[in-house]
Amino acid sequence: MTNIDMSTELRHLLRAVKTALELAIVTGAPAELVNRLAGPAGLLEALSQLPLEGTASGAMLPELLIEARSAVDRWEAWLKVRGAAA
């Protein structure tokens, strides 16, 4: 993946995670879910400000991307169940 692609993916995922985190907070999602979103949101925010290629911060990015996507997926699943129960 090129730097531009990685940068774009990082930006889009950061936006998705931050939005999910904000919505999870205001909808009263369980603390475990909020915390699961908060970790990747903070790390993605920090990494988005740093050079990534060939650095220790870049090396942690692949696992973080998976963790962030997983957290957003869990949020969406919780929201779907909550909506069905409401």
C-alpha atoms as a PDB file:
ATOM      1  CA  MET A   1       0.000   0.000   0.000  1.00  0.00           C
ATOM      2  CA  THR A   2       1.372   3.459  -0.821  1.00  0.00           C
ATOM      3  CA  ASN A   3       1.802   6.252   1.705  1.00  0.00           C
ATOM      4  CA  ILE A   4      -1.161   8.116   0.236  1.00  0.00           C
ATOM      5  CA  ASP A   5      -3.374   5.044   0.477  1.00  0.00           C
ATOM      6  CA  MET A   6      -2.281   4.339   4.052  1.00  0.00           C
ATOM      7  CA  SER A   7      -2.735   7.968   5.011  1.00  0.00           C
ATOM      8  CA  THR A   8      -6.207   8.036   3.483  1.00  0.00           C
ATOM      9  CA  GLU A   9      -7.186   4.755   5.132  1.00  0.00           C
ATOM     10  CA  LEU A  10      -5.900   6.008   8.470  1.00  0.00           C
ATOM     11  CA  ARG A  11      -7.858   9.253   8.174  1.00  0.00           C
ATOM     12  CA  HIS A  12     -11.106   7.511   7.214  1.00  0.00           C
ATOM     13  CA  LEU A  13     -10.790   4.901   9.933  1.00  0.00           C
ATOM     14  CA  LEU A  14      -9.957   7.557  12.517  1.00  0.00           C
ATOM     15  CA  ARG A  15     -13.090   9.456  11.542  1.00  0.00           C
ATOM     16  CA  ALA A  16     -15.213   6.285  11.783  1.00  0.00           C
ATOM     17  CA  VAL A  17     -13.791   5.304  15.178  1.00  0.00           C
ATOM     18  CA  LYS A  18     -14.182   8.801  16.629  1.00  0.00           C
ATOM     19  CA  THR A  19     -17.763   9.042  15.398  1.00  0.00           C
ATOM     20  CA  ALA A  20     -18.588   5.607  16.816  1.00  0.00           C
ATOM     21  CA  LEU A  21     -16.977   6.599  20.130  1.00  0.00           C
ATOM     22  CA  GLU A  22     -18.983   9.809  20.373  1.00  0.00           C
ATOM     23  CA  LEU A  23     -22.219   8.002  19.542  1.00  0.00           C
ATOM     24  CA  ALA A  24     -21.442   5.197  21.980  1.00  0.00           C
ATOM     25  CA  ILE A  25     -20.977   7.738  24.756  1.00  0.00           C
ATOM     26  CA  VAL A  26     -24.188   9.654  24.074  1.00  0.00           C
ATOM     27  CA  THR A  27     -26.300   6.512  23.635  1.00  0.00           C
ATOM     28  CA  GLY A  28     -25.140   5.024  26.914  1.00  0.00           C
ATOM     29  CA  ALA A  29     -23.289   2.067  25.438  1.00  0.00           C
ATOM     30  CA  PRO A  30     -21.618  -0.266  27.938  1.00  0.00           C
ATOM     31  CA  ALA A  31     -18.295   0.963  29.315  1.00  0.00           C
ATOM     32  CA  GLU A  32     -16.489  -2.027  27.787  1.00  0.00           C
ATOM     33  CA  LEU A  33     -17.625  -0.967  24.320  1.00  0.00           C
ATOM     34  CA  VAL A  34     -16.772   2.692  24.895  1.00  0.00           C
ATOM     35  CA  ASN A  35     -13.298   1.728  26.141  1.00  0.00           C
ATOM     36  CA  ARG A  36     -12.796  -0.622  23.208  1.00  0.00           C
ATOM     37  CA  LEU A  37     -13.414   2.335  20.867  1.00  0.00           C
ATOM     38  CA  ALA A  38     -11.456   4.864  22.927  1.00  0.00           C
ATOM     39  CA  GLY A  39      -8.139   3.024  22.768  1.00  0.00           C
ATOM     40  CA  PRO A  40      -7.915   2.832  18.969  1.00  0.00           C
ATOM     41  CA  ALA A  41      -9.323   6.368  18.637  1.00  0.00           C
ATOM     42  CA  GLY A  42      -6.524   7.798  20.756  1.00  0.00           C
ATOM     43  CA  LEU A  43      -3.787   5.746  19.130  1.00  0.00           C
ATOM     44  CA  LEU A  44      -5.013   6.496  15.603  1.00  0.00           C
ATOM     45  CA  GLU A  45      -5.152  10.190  16.455  1.00  0.00           C
ATOM     46  CA  ALA A  46      -1.583  10.126  17.739  1.00  0.00           C
ATOM     47  CA  LEU A  47      -0.277   8.066  14.809  1.00  0.00           C
ATOM     48  CA  SER A  48      -1.972  10.342  12.310  1.00  0.00           C
ATOM     49  CA  GLN A  49       0.420  13.081  13.492  1.00  0.00           C
ATOM     50  CA  LEU A  50       3.613  11.019  13.156  1.00  0.00           C
ATOM     51  CA  PRO A  51       5.743   9.776  10.276  1.00  0.00           C
ATOM     52  CA  LEU A  52       4.921   6.104   9.786  1.00  0.00           C
ATOM     53  CA  GLU A  53       7.093   4.528   7.121  1.00  0.00           C
ATOM     54  CA  GLY A  54       9.994   2.573   8.578  1.00  0.00           C
ATOM     55  CA  THR A  55       9.256   3.656  12.156  1.00  0.00           C
ATOM     56  CA  ALA A  56       8.112   1.881  15.299  1.00  0.00           C
ATOM     57  CA  SER A  57       4.813   3.759  15.049  1.00  0.00           C
ATOM     58  CA  GLY A  58       4.336   2.470  11.517  1.00  0.00           C
ATOM     59  CA  ALA A  59       5.060  -1.074  12.669  1.00  0.00           C
ATOM     60  CA  MET A  60       2.166  -0.979  15.139  1.00  0.00           C
ATOM     61  CA  LEU A  61      -0.298   0.298  12.536  1.00  0.00           C
ATOM     62  CA  PRO A  62      -1.450  -2.993  10.925  1.00  0.00           C
ATOM     63  CA  GLU A  63      -2.572  -4.505  14.249  1.00  0.00           C
ATOM     64  CA  LEU A  64      -4.145  -1.204  15.269  1.00  0.00           C
ATOM     65  CA  LEU A  65      -6.140  -1.012  12.038  1.00  0.00           C
ATOM     66  CA  ILE A  66      -7.553  -4.471  12.728  1.00  0.00           C
ATOM     67  CA  GLU A  67      -8.375  -3.536  16.331  1.00  0.00           C
ATOM     68  CA  ALA A  68     -10.064  -0.298  15.258  1.00  0.00           C
ATOM     69  CA  ARG A  69     -12.183  -2.012  12.584  1.00  0.00           C
ATOM     70  CA  SER A  70     -13.167  -4.687  15.092  1.00  0.00           C
ATOM     71  CA  ALA A  71     -14.216  -2.059  17.630  1.00  0.00           C
ATOM     72  CA  VAL A  72     -16.366  -0.258  15.047  1.00  0.00           C
ATOM     73  CA  ASP A  73     -17.919  -3.585  14.006  1.00  0.00           C
ATOM     74  CA  ARG A  74     -18.786  -4.352  17.643  1.00  0.00           C
ATOM     75  CA  TRP A  75     -20.309  -0.891  18.013  1.00  0.00           C
ATOM     76  CA  GLU A  76     -22.439  -1.381  14.908  1.00  0.00           C
ATOM     77  CA  ALA A  77     -23.563  -4.829  16.125  1.00  0.00           C
ATOM     78  CA  TRP A  78     -24.489  -3.412  19.546  1.00  0.00           C
ATOM     79  CA  LEU A  79     -26.390  -0.576  17.937  1.00  0.00           C
ATOM     80  CA  LYS A  80     -28.283  -2.978  15.674  1.00  0.00           C
ATOM     81  CA  VAL A  81     -29.301  -5.164  18.632  1.00  0.00           C
ATOM     82  CA  ARG A  82     -30.225  -2.122  20.694  1.00  0.00           C
ATOM     83  CA  GLY A  83     -32.328  -0.751  17.831  1.00  0.00           C
ATOM     84  CA  ALA A  84     -34.145  -4.066  17.460  1.00  0.00           C
ATOM     85  CA  ALA A  85     -34.840  -4.146  21.193  1.00  0.00           C
ATOM     86  CA  ALA A  86     -36.109  -0.554  21.339  1.00  0.00           C
END
